């Protein structure tokens, strides 16, 4: 009897030991992730031989209270000598199925995916976001599966994590939403907390670059300020580091006024508003604008004569550039004389259909004078006169031209550079340096000189106007156009960061 009791006791103790070993084994399987998850946690894929069937490695059980959001980060390492496919997965424990108030997804701003392929010895860092918007706690298992093939066949109730986590929805102030029925003549103001957002007027949508539990009030109000009239109505007002001034036109003058516009999907700047004495369109006040940056360097005229009507640059601007065509290799496309061909491929940088629909064909005045030793007002009168080099036209018609010397002269406030200063003396700190137009070493104007058949006025490297510029030489080109009188402002404040948005 005693022997029987001893056997029972021994078997009982053995059972206790076996059960203990099973518990230890299960704990080992569960303990791949530590309780405190961080980027040092390694999911090590170490199988020396791997079947084609999916392997399920250890997992972490995550509990989220109501309203909780957690980030789970770990590194998957392929320690085998083979290329492996991996995938992060989740399994709902409580509740047993996911719903629209539970978010399990890849962190939005991470480079690595939650699934992919790892070559031998390589690693991938996985960042997940888990969020519980339900009214009670939830329990989720997070793990990693891997295989020799891309078919990660997971057991029932385990699902690969393939979606991306997006922050909470933006709340919208709908007070003016009845106006929001079409893209066009509306002003959109954004009042956001903890967010980086902007309104894309071109595509009429909200652009979000950063949200962190944020809210945004979006107020949409009807707006249609006629561009030309808006500029005229604001004469005398400060605009950035400049003003709108009535000096032979309603002009933006100063170092850096708020005259930026988004045109042709790029930055342009407003020179001013002018009447028919400049552009020849009866009873119309048109807004003249200039591209903020050069489209490149080109010869004014490859044949070294100063007739704008026949100039190769005129052809480049009004044919290849205006129509977004590739004119490279054509007869007009030269950087210097006829010896150095230029790049005239404007299929990307040329004017698009929307921009062309806003441009008015105008009469460009081609009057001139002999040299640069004259004031801005003297240049203005000469440009609109009939005094031209022998045989040259006094006007021409087209969509695209260049600035006048007087545009440059007037771009400086009169209290910075006296209007008695000759444009040939603009190389002073109070004149050319204070002009928002000044950008490049050498830049063409549209006005030729009476002194020689080959000379044209240009803005020289020392910021003064120079008349002795050979037309077959290369210089920077910034297109100038007049906008139709119907063009309106529908957004923006004219600053570089928030340029005016236009609609026709």
Protein backbone atom coordinates (compact mmCIF):
# COMPACT_ATOMS: atom_id res chain seq x y z
CA UNK A 1 0.00 0.00 0.00
CA UNK A 2 2.81 2.38 0.87
CA UNK A 3 4.46 1.61 -2.47
CA UNK A 4 1.26 2.52 -4.28
CA UNK A 5 1.03 5.81 -2.38
CA UNK A 6 4.64 6.64 -3.20
CA UNK A 7 3.98 6.02 -6.93
CA UNK A 8 0.94 8.27 -6.85
CA UNK A 9 2.95 11.02 -5.12
CA UNK A 10 5.81 10.67 -7.64
CA UNK A 11 3.43 10.83 -10.59
CA UNK A 12 1.71 13.86 -9.12
CA UNK A 13 5.01 15.69 -8.66
CA UNK A 14 6.03 14.75 -12.21
CA UNK A 15 2.76 16.14 -13.51
CA UNK A 16 3.42 19.40 -11.67
CA UNK A 17 6.89 19.63 -13.25
CA UNK A 18 5.55 18.88 -16.76
CA UNK A 19 2.81 21.47 -16.41
CA UNK A 20 5.39 23.98 -15.22
CA UNK A 21 7.54 23.30 -18.27
CA UNK A 22 4.53 23.77 -20.54
CA UNK A 23 3.78 27.12 -18.89
CA UNK A 24 7.42 28.21 -19.32
CA UNK A 25 7.29 27.18 -22.99
CA UNK A 26 4.08 29.10 -23.59
CA UNK A 27 5.52 32.16 -21.85
CA UNK A 28 8.63 31.93 -24.02
CA UNK A 29 6.46 31.87 -27.14
CA UNK A 30 4.53 34.90 -25.93
CA UNK A 31 7.54 36.93 -24.85
CA UNK A 32 9.06 38.01 -28.16
CA UNK A 33 7.84 41.59 -27.52
CA UNK A 34 8.52 43.06 -24.13
CA UNK A 35 5.79 44.72 -22.14
CA UNK A 36 7.33 48.09 -22.97
CA UNK A 37 7.52 48.20 -26.73
CA UNK A 38 10.23 50.35 -28.28
CA UNK A 39 12.43 50.50 -31.39
CA UNK A 40 14.99 48.15 -29.84
CA UNK A 41 12.58 45.21 -29.90
CA UNK A 42 13.73 42.73 -32.51
CA UNK A 43 11.55 40.20 -34.29
CA UNK A 44 14.27 37.78 -35.30
CA UNK A 45 13.47 35.46 -38.19
CA UNK A 46 15.98 32.71 -37.41
CA UNK A 47 14.62 29.47 -38.89
CA UNK A 48 17.48 27.47 -40.40
CA UNK A 49 15.11 25.63 -42.71
CA UNK A 50 11.82 27.17 -43.65
CA UNK A 51 8.86 25.40 -45.21
CA UNK A 52 6.81 27.12 -47.87
CA UNK A 53 3.96 27.40 -45.38
CA UNK A 54 3.73 30.58 -43.32
CA UNK A 55 5.53 30.69 -40.00
CA UNK A 56 3.89 32.56 -37.14
CA UNK A 57 6.36 34.02 -34.66
CA UNK A 58 5.62 35.31 -31.18
CA UNK A 59 3.17 38.13 -30.60
CA UNK A 60 2.37 40.89 -28.15
CA UNK A 61 -0.99 41.34 -26.49
CA UNK A 62 -1.97 45.00 -26.28
CA UNK A 63 -4.76 46.38 -24.10
CA UNK A 64 -6.24 49.78 -24.94
CA UNK A 65 -8.60 51.58 -22.61
CA UNK A 66 -11.44 53.64 -24.06
CA UNK A 67 -9.97 56.66 -25.88
CA UNK A 68 -6.41 55.29 -25.79
CA UNK A 69 -3.97 55.49 -28.71
CA UNK A 70 -0.64 53.63 -28.68
CA UNK A 71 2.32 53.37 -31.00
CA UNK A 72 3.92 49.93 -31.34
CA UNK A 73 7.39 49.90 -32.88
CA UNK A 74 9.69 46.98 -33.55
CA UNK A 75 12.39 45.85 -35.97
CA UNK A 76 12.02 42.77 -38.14
CA UNK A 77 15.38 41.11 -38.78
CA UNK A 78 16.02 38.34 -41.31
CA UNK A 79 18.80 36.25 -39.74
CA UNK A 80 18.49 33.47 -42.30
CA UNK A 81 20.50 33.00 -45.46
CA UNK A 82 17.40 33.34 -47.63
CA UNK A 83 15.19 36.12 -48.83
CA UNK A 84 11.95 36.14 -46.83
CA UNK A 85 8.56 37.80 -47.06
CA UNK A 86 7.15 39.19 -43.82
CA UNK A 87 3.91 40.77 -42.68
CA UNK A 88 2.64 42.37 -39.49
CA UNK A 89 -0.76 41.07 -38.43
CA UNK A 90 -3.42 41.69 -35.82
CA UNK A 91 -5.95 39.47 -34.06
CA UNK A 92 -8.92 40.87 -32.14
CA UNK A 93 -9.27 39.22 -28.72
CA UNK A 94 -11.93 41.42 -27.13
CA UNK A 95 -14.10 42.20 -28.97
CA UNK A 96 -13.50 39.37 -31.41
CA UNK A 97 -14.02 41.54 -34.52
CA UNK A 98 -12.88 45.00 -35.56
CA UNK A 99 -15.22 47.93 -36.18
CA UNK A 100 -15.00 51.52 -37.45
CA UNK A 101 -14.11 52.80 -33.95
CA UNK A 102 -10.99 50.66 -33.75
CA UNK A 103 -7.92 51.67 -35.79
CA UNK A 104 -4.98 49.31 -36.39
CA UNK A 105 -2.69 50.62 -39.10
CA UNK A 106 0.78 51.61 -40.21
CA UNK A 107 1.98 54.95 -38.82
CA UNK A 108 1.49 57.58 -41.51
CA UNK A 109 4.96 59.16 -41.50
CA UNK A 110 7.13 55.99 -41.52
CA UNK A 111 9.15 54.85 -44.49
CA UNK A 112 8.91 51.06 -44.03
CA UNK A 113 5.82 49.05 -44.81
CA UNK A 114 4.03 46.68 -42.51
CA UNK A 115 4.70 43.91 -45.03
CA UNK A 116 7.33 43.31 -47.66
CA UNK A 117 10.44 41.33 -48.54
CA UNK A 118 13.71 41.15 -46.62
CA UNK A 119 16.94 39.93 -48.15
CA UNK A 120 19.25 37.79 -46.03
CA UNK A 121 20.62 39.79 -43.09
CA UNK A 122 18.45 42.87 -43.71
CA UNK A 123 16.02 44.60 -41.35
CA UNK A 124 12.87 46.71 -41.51
CA UNK A 125 11.48 48.96 -38.80
CA UNK A 126 7.71 48.70 -38.39
CA UNK A 127 5.67 51.42 -36.69
CA UNK A 128 2.02 50.80 -35.93
CA UNK A 129 -0.71 52.95 -34.44
CA UNK A 130 -3.55 51.41 -32.43
CA UNK A 131 -6.49 53.57 -31.41
CA UNK A 132 -9.62 52.73 -29.43
CA UNK A 133 -12.60 55.04 -29.93
CA UNK A 134 -15.07 52.63 -28.35
CA UNK A 135 -16.66 53.05 -24.94
CA UNK A 136 -14.78 50.14 -23.34
CA UNK A 137 -11.34 48.53 -23.27
CA UNK A 138 -10.17 46.36 -26.14
CA UNK A 139 -7.50 43.63 -26.38
CA UNK A 140 -5.50 43.06 -29.56
CA UNK A 141 -2.72 40.62 -30.46
CA UNK A 142 0.02 42.05 -32.71
CA UNK A 143 2.48 39.70 -34.40
CA UNK A 144 4.65 38.95 -37.43
CA UNK A 145 4.37 36.19 -40.02
CA UNK A 146 6.99 35.19 -42.59
CA UNK A 147 7.41 32.83 -45.51
CA UNK A 148 9.54 32.00 -48.54
CA UNK A 149 6.68 33.16 -50.76
CA UNK A 150 4.61 36.32 -50.85
CA UNK A 151 1.48 34.34 -49.94
CA UNK A 152 1.24 34.85 -46.21
CA UNK A 153 -1.67 32.52 -45.48
CA UNK A 154 -2.67 33.46 -41.96
CA UNK A 155 -4.89 31.39 -39.69
CA UNK A 156 -8.52 32.37 -39.20
CA UNK A 157 -9.07 35.64 -37.31
CA UNK A 158 -5.53 36.94 -38.01
CA UNK A 159 -5.28 39.73 -40.59
CA UNK A 160 -2.38 41.50 -42.28
CA UNK A 161 -2.05 45.21 -41.48
CA UNK A 162 -2.11 47.01 -44.82
CA UNK A 163 -3.85 50.34 -44.24
CA UNK A 164 -2.26 53.65 -43.19
CA UNK A 165 -3.29 55.48 -40.03
CA UNK A 166 -4.88 58.86 -40.67
CA UNK A 167 -5.43 61.40 -37.88
CA UNK A 168 -8.94 62.27 -36.72
CA UNK A 169 -11.22 63.97 -39.20
CA UNK A 170 -11.16 67.76 -39.49
CA UNK A 171 -14.22 69.49 -38.09
CA UNK A 172 -15.59 72.09 -40.50
CA UNK A 173 -17.42 75.30 -39.66
CA UNK A 174 -20.40 75.01 -42.01
CA UNK A 175 -21.84 78.50 -41.53
CA UNK A 176 -21.13 79.44 -45.15
CA UNK A 177 -21.28 76.01 -46.76
CA UNK A 178 -24.35 76.96 -48.80
CA UNK A 179 -21.99 79.04 -50.95
CA UNK A 180 -19.62 76.15 -51.49
CA UNK A 181 -21.20 74.72 -54.61
CA UNK A 182 -18.47 74.99 -57.23
CA UNK A 183 -14.77 75.72 -57.70
CA UNK A 184 -14.23 79.39 -58.45
CA UNK A 185 -14.99 82.71 -56.89
CA UNK A 186 -14.65 82.02 -53.19
CA UNK A 187 -12.24 83.01 -50.46
CA UNK A 188 -11.27 80.23 -48.05
CA UNK A 189 -9.90 81.01 -44.61
CA UNK A 190 -8.46 78.32 -42.34
CA UNK A 191 -8.27 78.48 -38.56
CA UNK A 192 -6.49 75.34 -37.36
CA UNK A 193 -4.98 74.18 -34.09
CA UNK A 194 -1.94 71.87 -34.09
CA UNK A 195 -2.09 71.51 -37.85
CA UNK A 196 -0.22 72.37 -41.04
CA UNK A 197 -2.82 72.85 -43.76
CA UNK A 198 -3.44 75.08 -46.75
CA UNK A 199 -6.16 75.53 -49.31
CA UNK A 200 -5.24 74.55 -52.89
CA UNK A 201 -7.20 77.07 -54.97
CA UNK A 202 -6.06 75.54 -58.26
CA UNK A 203 -7.49 72.08 -57.50
CA UNK A 204 -10.02 73.36 -54.96
CA UNK A 205 -9.13 71.09 -52.09
CA UNK A 206 -7.55 71.08 -48.63
CA UNK A 207 -3.87 70.09 -48.46
CA UNK A 208 -2.87 68.53 -45.12
CA UNK A 209 0.80 68.03 -44.27
CA UNK A 210 0.53 67.55 -40.51
CA UNK A 211 -2.34 66.86 -38.13
CA UNK A 212 -2.11 65.83 -34.49
CA UNK A 213 -5.58 65.48 -32.99
CA UNK A 214 -6.39 68.81 -34.62
CA UNK A 215 -9.49 70.73 -35.54
CA UNK A 216 -9.84 73.20 -38.40
CA UNK A 217 -12.53 75.78 -39.00
CA UNK A 218 -12.88 76.33 -42.75
CA UNK A 219 -14.83 79.45 -43.64
CA UNK A 220 -15.83 79.80 -47.28
CA UNK A 221 -17.16 83.15 -48.45
CA UNK A 222 -18.03 84.44 -51.88
CA UNK A 223 -15.33 86.63 -53.38
CA UNK A 224 -14.80 88.17 -56.78
CA UNK A 225 -12.61 91.25 -56.73
CA UNK A 226 -11.85 92.49 -60.21
CA UNK A 227 -8.06 92.45 -60.32
CA UNK A 228 -7.49 95.77 -62.06
CA UNK A 229 -10.08 97.60 -59.96
CA UNK A 230 -8.76 96.06 -56.75
CA UNK A 231 -5.29 97.46 -57.49
CA UNK A 232 -6.68 100.90 -58.35
CA UNK A 233 -8.82 100.96 -55.20
CA UNK A 234 -5.73 100.26 -53.07
CA UNK A 235 -3.56 103.08 -54.41
CA UNK A 236 -1.63 104.68 -51.53
CA UNK A 237 -1.73 101.59 -49.33
CA UNK A 238 1.31 99.81 -47.97
CA UNK A 239 1.96 96.45 -49.59
CA UNK A 240 4.65 94.43 -47.83
CA UNK A 241 7.81 96.52 -48.12
CA UNK A 242 6.29 98.67 -50.83
CA UNK A 243 3.19 100.54 -51.98
CA UNK A 244 0.71 100.89 -54.82
CA UNK A 245 1.40 104.29 -56.38
CA UNK A 246 -0.22 106.24 -59.23
CA UNK A 247 2.76 107.14 -61.43
CA UNK A 248 1.95 106.81 -65.14
CA UNK A 249 -0.10 103.79 -64.20
CA UNK A 250 -1.12 102.19 -60.93
CA UNK A 251 2.11 100.50 -59.97
CA UNK A 252 3.63 98.32 -57.28
CA UNK A 253 6.79 100.05 -56.12
CA UNK A 254 9.35 99.23 -53.43
CA UNK A 255 11.78 96.56 -52.33
CA UNK A 256 9.32 93.66 -51.98
CA UNK A 257 5.64 94.63 -52.26
CA UNK A 258 2.82 92.11 -51.98
CA UNK A 259 2.32 91.76 -55.72
CA UNK A 260 2.74 88.00 -56.08
CA UNK A 261 0.19 86.00 -58.06
CA UNK A 262 -0.15 82.31 -58.86
CA UNK A 263 -0.31 82.21 -62.66
CA UNK A 264 0.46 79.29 -64.96
CA UNK A 265 1.00 77.25 -61.76
CA UNK A 266 4.04 79.38 -60.88
CA UNK A 267 4.83 82.71 -59.25
CA UNK A 268 4.43 85.91 -61.27
CA UNK A 269 4.37 89.51 -60.08
CA UNK A 270 2.12 92.45 -60.86
CA UNK A 271 3.81 95.44 -62.49
CA UNK A 272 0.64 97.52 -62.42
CA UNK A 273 -2.56 98.59 -64.16
CA UNK A 274 -2.40 100.64 -67.38
CA UNK A 275 -4.73 102.31 -69.83
CA UNK A 276 -4.81 102.29 -73.64
CA UNK A 277 -1.83 104.64 -73.95
CA UNK A 278 0.31 101.65 -73.05
CA UNK A 279 -1.53 98.65 -74.51
CA UNK A 280 -3.82 100.14 -77.17
CA UNK A 281 -7.05 98.51 -75.92
CA UNK A 282 -9.69 101.25 -75.88
CA UNK A 283 -11.50 101.96 -72.62
CA UNK A 284 -9.80 99.12 -70.78
CA UNK A 285 -7.55 99.12 -67.78
CA UNK A 286 -5.39 96.01 -68.03
CA UNK A 287 -3.08 94.46 -65.44
CA UNK A 288 0.48 93.85 -66.60
CA UNK A 289 2.41 91.00 -64.95
CA UNK A 290 5.95 89.62 -65.20
CA UNK A 291 7.20 86.12 -64.48
CA UNK A 292 9.06 85.98 -61.17
CA UNK A 293 11.89 83.91 -62.65
CA UNK A 294 13.63 83.85 -66.00
CA UNK A 295 12.71 81.18 -68.56
CA UNK A 296 16.38 81.13 -69.64
CA UNK A 297 18.89 83.20 -71.57
CA UNK A 298 18.31 83.96 -75.26
CA UNK A 299 19.50 86.33 -77.93
CA UNK A 300 17.16 89.30 -78.37
CA UNK A 301 17.63 88.85 -82.12
CA UNK A 302 20.03 86.29 -83.55
CA UNK A 303 20.69 88.53 -86.60
CA UNK A 304 21.93 91.40 -84.39
CA UNK A 305 19.33 93.98 -85.36
CA UNK A 306 16.93 95.74 -83.00
CA UNK A 307 13.58 95.31 -84.76
CA UNK A 308 11.28 93.70 -82.16
CA UNK A 309 8.71 92.86 -84.82
CA UNK A 310 11.24 90.58 -86.52
CA UNK A 311 13.22 89.57 -83.42
CA UNK A 312 13.92 85.90 -82.82
CA UNK A 313 13.02 86.36 -79.13
CA UNK A 314 9.61 87.69 -80.19
CA UNK A 315 9.06 84.43 -82.08
CA UNK A 316 10.25 82.36 -79.14
CA UNK A 317 7.85 84.09 -76.74
CA UNK A 318 4.77 84.33 -78.95
CA UNK A 319 5.05 80.95 -80.66
CA UNK A 320 6.97 78.30 -78.71
CA UNK A 321 6.50 79.69 -75.18
CA UNK A 322 2.92 80.93 -75.62
CA UNK A 323 1.76 77.64 -77.17
CA UNK A 324 3.84 75.35 -74.91
CA UNK A 325 5.71 73.95 -77.89
CA UNK A 326 9.17 72.53 -78.43
CA UNK A 327 10.99 75.01 -80.65
CA UNK A 328 14.47 73.66 -79.98
CA UNK A 329 16.37 73.41 -83.25
CA UNK A 330 14.09 75.92 -84.97
CA UNK A 331 15.42 79.01 -86.75
CA UNK A 332 14.62 81.41 -83.89
CA UNK A 333 16.10 79.42 -81.02
CA UNK A 334 19.53 80.82 -80.20
CA UNK A 335 21.39 81.81 -77.07
CA UNK A 336 24.12 83.71 -78.92
CA UNK A 337 23.98 84.91 -82.53
CA UNK A 338 23.53 81.92 -84.85
CA UNK A 339 26.46 80.01 -83.36
CA UNK A 340 25.09 78.82 -80.00
CA UNK A 341 21.65 77.16 -80.18
CA UNK A 342 19.31 77.59 -77.23
CA UNK A 343 16.85 75.33 -75.43
CA UNK A 344 13.35 76.28 -76.54
CA UNK A 345 11.44 73.26 -75.27
CA UNK A 346 8.46 74.84 -73.50
CA UNK A 347 6.18 71.81 -73.41
CA UNK A 348 6.36 71.88 -69.60
CA UNK A 349 7.33 75.47 -68.76
CA UNK A 350 5.25 77.22 -71.42
CA UNK A 351 1.86 78.83 -70.87
CA UNK A 352 -0.92 76.34 -70.16
CA UNK A 353 -4.49 76.52 -71.45
CA UNK A 354 -5.85 78.28 -68.35
CA UNK A 355 -3.12 80.93 -68.45
CA UNK A 356 -3.65 81.58 -72.17
CA UNK A 357 -7.37 82.09 -71.56
CA UNK A 358 -6.55 85.02 -69.24
CA UNK A 359 -4.11 86.85 -71.53
CA UNK A 360 -5.11 89.79 -73.71
CA UNK A 361 -3.44 90.34 -77.08
CA UNK A 362 -2.26 93.96 -77.02
CA UNK A 363 -0.38 96.59 -78.95
CA UNK A 364 3.21 96.85 -77.74
CA UNK A 365 4.59 100.39 -78.08
CA UNK A 366 8.08 100.43 -79.59
CA UNK A 367 9.08 104.09 -79.37
CA UNK A 368 12.61 104.80 -78.18
CA UNK A 369 15.46 107.18 -77.36
CA UNK A 370 19.24 107.17 -77.87
CA UNK A 371 20.79 106.47 -74.48
CA UNK A 372 20.17 105.67 -70.84
CA UNK A 373 20.85 109.18 -69.54
CA UNK A 374 17.22 110.06 -68.95
CA UNK A 375 14.72 109.96 -66.11
CA UNK A 376 12.04 107.35 -65.75
CA UNK A 377 9.29 109.71 -66.93
CA UNK A 378 11.38 110.65 -70.00
CA UNK A 379 11.72 106.98 -70.86
CA UNK A 380 7.98 106.46 -70.36
CA UNK A 381 7.16 109.18 -72.87
CA UNK A 382 9.74 107.95 -75.38
CA UNK A 383 8.48 104.36 -75.20
CA UNK A 384 5.01 105.50 -76.24
CA UNK A 385 6.27 107.89 -78.91
CA UNK A 386 7.01 107.43 -82.59
CA UNK A 387 10.74 108.06 -82.56
CA UNK A 388 12.38 104.79 -83.73
CA UNK A 389 15.56 103.66 -85.42
CA UNK A 390 15.40 103.98 -89.21
CA UNK A 391 12.91 101.50 -90.66
CA UNK A 392 11.73 100.10 -87.33
CA UNK A 393 7.97 99.81 -86.55
CA UNK A 394 6.45 102.00 -83.85
CA UNK A 395 4.12 99.24 -82.62
CA UNK A 396 3.55 95.51 -82.88
CA UNK A 397 0.77 93.19 -81.71
CA UNK A 398 1.20 90.06 -79.61
CA UNK A 399 0.41 88.20 -76.42
CA UNK A 400 3.86 88.12 -74.81
CA UNK A 401 6.52 90.80 -74.54
CA UNK A 402 9.13 92.14 -72.14
CA UNK A 403 9.26 94.92 -69.56
CA UNK A 404 9.95 98.54 -70.52
CA UNK A 405 12.87 100.48 -69.05
CA UNK A 406 10.31 102.72 -67.33
CA UNK A 407 8.78 99.66 -65.59
CA UNK A 408 12.14 99.11 -63.96
CA UNK A 409 12.57 102.80 -63.19
CA UNK A 410 9.19 103.09 -61.47
CA UNK A 411 9.66 99.89 -59.47
CA UNK A 412 11.55 101.90 -56.82
CA UNK A 413 9.63 104.21 -54.49
CA UNK A 414 10.24 107.87 -55.28
CA UNK A 415 11.28 108.58 -51.69
CA UNK A 416 14.05 105.99 -52.09
CA UNK A 417 15.31 107.05 -55.51
CA UNK A 418 14.54 110.56 -56.72
CA UNK A 419 12.60 110.70 -59.98
CA UNK A 420 15.27 113.12 -61.21
CA UNK A 421 17.77 110.22 -61.26
CA UNK A 422 18.72 108.96 -64.72
CA UNK A 423 18.21 105.24 -65.31
CA UNK A 424 21.84 105.07 -66.32
CA UNK A 425 22.66 105.96 -62.70
CA UNK A 426 20.47 103.33 -61.03
CA UNK A 427 23.58 101.48 -59.81
CA UNK A 428 23.23 102.98 -56.33
CA UNK A 429 21.99 101.51 -53.09
CA UNK A 430 18.94 103.80 -53.09
CA UNK A 431 17.83 102.98 -56.65
CA UNK A 432 18.27 99.62 -58.39
CA UNK A 433 18.95 97.76 -55.16
CA UNK A 434 15.54 98.95 -53.86
CA UNK A 435 13.68 97.59 -56.90
CA UNK A 436 11.56 94.45 -56.63
CA UNK A 437 12.12 93.84 -60.37
CA UNK A 438 15.91 93.58 -60.09
CA UNK A 439 16.93 89.90 -60.09
CA UNK A 440 19.57 89.01 -62.67
CA UNK A 441 22.99 90.13 -63.91
CA UNK A 442 21.73 91.03 -67.37
CA UNK A 443 18.09 91.11 -68.41
CA UNK A 444 16.39 92.25 -71.61
CA UNK A 445 13.78 94.98 -72.03
CA UNK A 446 11.60 95.36 -75.12
CA UNK A 447 12.91 98.83 -76.02
CA UNK A 448 15.61 99.34 -78.64
CA UNK A 449 18.12 102.21 -78.83
CA UNK A 450 18.23 104.88 -81.54
CA UNK A 451 22.03 104.97 -81.47
CA UNK A 452 22.83 101.77 -83.37
CA UNK A 453 20.92 99.21 -85.39
CA UNK A 454 22.05 96.41 -83.07
CA UNK A 455 21.54 97.97 -79.61
CA UNK A 456 18.76 97.40 -77.07
CA UNK A 457 18.21 98.66 -73.53
CA UNK A 458 18.86 96.08 -70.84
CA UNK A 459 19.24 95.97 -67.07
CA UNK A 460 22.96 95.53 -66.60
CA UNK A 461 24.91 93.61 -63.95
CA UNK A 462 25.46 96.78 -61.88
CA UNK A 463 21.65 97.44 -61.71
CA UNK A 464 21.64 100.36 -64.15
CA UNK A 465 19.97 100.57 -67.56
CA UNK A 466 22.46 100.21 -70.41
CA UNK A 467 21.75 101.02 -74.05
CA UNK A 468 24.82 99.40 -75.64
CA UNK A 469 23.64 95.77 -75.60
CA UNK A 470 24.21 93.71 -78.74
CA UNK A 471 20.95 91.97 -79.63
CA UNK A 472 22.72 88.74 -80.63
CA UNK A 473 24.06 88.35 -77.08
CA UNK A 474 22.33 86.15 -74.52
CA UNK A 475 20.54 87.68 -71.52
CA UNK A 476 17.84 86.63 -69.06
CA UNK A 477 14.26 86.63 -70.32
CA UNK A 478 11.24 87.18 -68.06
CA UNK A 479 7.98 87.11 -70.08
CA UNK A 480 5.48 89.93 -69.60
CA UNK A 481 1.76 89.71 -70.43
CA UNK A 482 -1.40 91.80 -69.97
CA UNK A 483 -4.35 90.08 -68.32
CA UNK A 484 -7.90 90.49 -69.59
CA UNK A 485 -10.04 93.07 -67.82
CA UNK A 486 -12.38 90.28 -66.65
CA UNK A 487 -9.72 88.55 -64.51
CA UNK A 488 -10.57 88.57 -60.80
CA UNK A 489 -8.95 87.73 -57.48
CA UNK A 490 -10.56 84.77 -55.73
CA UNK A 491 -8.02 84.17 -52.96
CA UNK A 492 -4.68 85.03 -51.43
CA UNK A 493 -3.22 88.25 -50.03
CA UNK A 494 -0.44 88.94 -52.53
CA UNK A 495 2.43 87.83 -50.32
CA UNK A 496 4.95 85.30 -51.59
CA UNK A 497 3.66 82.71 -49.15
CA UNK A 498 0.01 83.37 -50.08
CA UNK A 499 -0.07 84.80 -53.63
CA UNK A 500 -3.24 86.11 -55.24
CA UNK A 501 -5.33 83.39 -56.88
CA UNK A 502 -6.99 84.41 -60.14
CA UNK A 503 -10.11 83.39 -62.04
CA UNK A 504 -11.24 84.51 -65.47
